[in-house]
């Protein structure tokens, strides 16, 4: 579902930001 995909993408994006910071 779109909602699940969005949540997965958001989670990955957050992890990426934390990793970069």
PDB file of N, CA and C in Angstrom:
ATOM      1  N   UNK A   1       0.835  -1.216   0.000  1.00  0.00           N
ATOM      2  CA  UNK A   1       0.000   0.000   0.000  1.00  0.00           C
ATOM      3  C   UNK A   1       0.872   1.270   0.000  1.00  0.00           C
ATOM      4  N   UNK A   2       0.304   2.330  -0.475  1.00  0.00           N
ATOM      5  CA  UNK A   2       1.073   3.583  -0.554  1.00  0.00           C
ATOM      6  C   UNK A   2       1.516   4.061   0.822  1.00  0.00           C
ATOM      7  N   UNK A   3       0.599   3.957   1.792  1.00  0.00           N
ATOM      8  CA  UNK A   3       0.926   4.445   3.141  1.00  0.00           C
ATOM      9  C   UNK A   3       2.143   3.711   3.687  1.00  0.00           C
ATOM     10  N   UNK A   4       2.143   2.380   3.512  1.00  0.00           N
ATOM     11  CA  UNK A   4       3.271   1.577   4.022  1.00  0.00           C
ATOM     12  C   UNK A   4       4.560   1.985   3.313  1.00  0.00           C
ATOM     13  N   UNK A   5       4.471   2.172   1.989  1.00  0.00           N
ATOM     14  CA  UNK A   5       5.661   2.577   1.226  1.00  0.00           C
ATOM     15  C   UNK A   5       6.186   3.910   1.736  1.00  0.00           C
ATOM     16  N   UNK A   6       5.271   4.843   1.964  1.00  0.00           N
ATOM     17  CA  UNK A   6       5.691   6.169   2.433  1.00  0.00           C
ATOM     18  C   UNK A   6       6.386   6.047   3.784  1.00  0.00           C
ATOM     19  N   UNK A   7       5.839   5.225   4.663  1.00  0.00           N
ATOM     20  CA  UNK A   7       6.429   5.068   5.989  1.00  0.00           C
ATOM     21  C   UNK A   7       7.822   4.458   5.875  1.00  0.00           C
ATOM     22  N   UNK A   8       7.952   3.470   4.990  1.00  0.00           N
ATOM     23  CA  UNK A   8       9.263   2.823   4.801  1.00  0.00           C
ATOM     24  C   UNK A   8      10.285   3.832   4.276  1.00  0.00           C
ATOM     25  N   UNK A   9       9.871   4.616   3.296  1.00  0.00           N
ATOM     26  CA  UNK A   9      10.774   5.625   2.718  1.00  0.00           C
ATOM     27  C   UNK A   9      11.151   6.657   3.780  1.00  0.00           C
ATOM     28  N   UNK A  10      10.167   7.089   4.557  1.00  0.00           N
ATOM     29  CA  UNK A  10      10.432   8.084   5.595  1.00  0.00           C
ATOM     30  C   UNK A  10      11.411   7.521   6.612  1.00  0.00           C
ATOM     31  N   UNK A  11      11.208   6.261   6.988  1.00  0.00           N
ATOM     32  CA  UNK A  11      12.096   5.621   7.972  1.00  0.00           C
ATOM     33  C   UNK A  11      13.517   5.550   7.424  1.00  0.00           C
ATOM     34  N   UNK A  12      13.650   5.140   6.169  1.00  0.00           N
ATOM     35  CA  UNK A  12      14.980   5.044   5.559  1.00  0.00           C
ATOM     36  C   UNK A  12      15.615   6.422   5.470  1.00  0.00           C
ATOM     37  N   UNK A  13      14.832   7.421   5.104  1.00  0.00           N
ATOM     38  CA  UNK A  13      15.358   8.777   4.974  1.00  0.00           C
ATOM     39  C   UNK A  13      15.871   9.274   6.331  1.00  0.00           C
ATOM     40  N   UNK A  14      15.069   9.030   7.379  1.00  0.00           N
ATOM     41  CA  UNK A  14      15.476   9.443   8.722  1.00  0.00           C
ATOM     42  C   UNK A  14      16.782   8.783   9.117  1.00  0.00           C
ATOM     43  N   UNK A  15      16.896   7.478   8.832  1.00  0.00           N
ATOM     44  CA  UNK A  15      18.121   6.764   9.187  1.00  0.00           C
ATOM     45  C   UNK A  15      19.306   7.355   8.431  1.00  0.00           C
ATOM     46  N   UNK A  16      19.080   7.679   7.166  1.00  0.00           N
ATOM     47  CA  UNK A  16      20.159   8.237   6.346  1.00  0.00           C
ATOM     48  C   UNK A  16      20.611   9.584   6.940  1.00  0.00           C
ATOM     49  N   UNK A  17      19.657  10.408   7.302  1.00  0.00           N
ATOM     50  CA  UNK A  17      19.989  11.728   7.871  1.00  0.00           C
ATOM     51  C   UNK A  17      20.783  11.550   9.158  1.00  0.00           C
ATOM     52  N   UNK A  18      20.335  10.631  10.020  1.00  0.00           N
ATOM     53  CA  UNK A  18      21.025  10.400  11.292  1.00  0.00           C
ATOM     54  C   UNK A  18      22.443   9.894  11.018  1.00  0.00           C
ATOM     55  N   UNK A  19      22.563   9.024  10.021  1.00  0.00           N
ATOM     56  CA  UNK A  19      23.882   8.460   9.690  1.00  0.00           C
ATOM     57  C   UNK A  19      24.812   9.569   9.187  1.00  0.00           C
ATOM     58  N   UNK A  20      24.282  10.472   8.389  1.00  0.00           N
ATOM     59  CA  UNK A  20      25.104  11.550   7.818  1.00  0.00           C
ATOM     60  C   UNK A  20      25.489  12.553   8.901  1.00  0.00           C
ATOM     61  N   UNK A  21      24.586  12.808   9.814  1.00  0.00           N
ATOM     62  CA  UNK A  21      24.849  13.828  10.831  1.00  0.00           C
ATOM     63  C   UNK A  21      25.963  13.408  11.752  1.00  0.00           C
TER      64      UNK A  21
END
